[in-house]
Amino acid sequence: MDSDDDAIENARFSGPEPGVKSEVSILLRQIRLRKITSKTRTLLYSVKASNLSQSKEEFVQCLVKELEEWRDTSPLFLYPDSPYETSAYMDL
């Protein structure tokens, strides 16, 4: 198989297309959620929390916006294979 090195180096992985199920769809969704939760713990409940330049209320509003974006961009599956693919799980 012949490949162009420039095409490989310049290619970016953007994940599966919306609505297209892949073997890692749930994993990628959960990784994004874990990043948000980690950021929440770090910035609200750690020693760094007292050094925040913005108020906690403003930060919480930003987190809510980020969670809503995560929810809106998460893949939905018409025929879920596991509980993690259902809309009921996403609504928790």
Foldseek 3Di string as FASTA:
>chain_A
DDDDPVCVVPDDDPDDDAQDDDPCLLVVLVVLVVVLVVVCCVCCPDPCVVVDPDDPVVVVVVSVVSLVVSLVRRHAYPDDPDPSRHVVVSVD
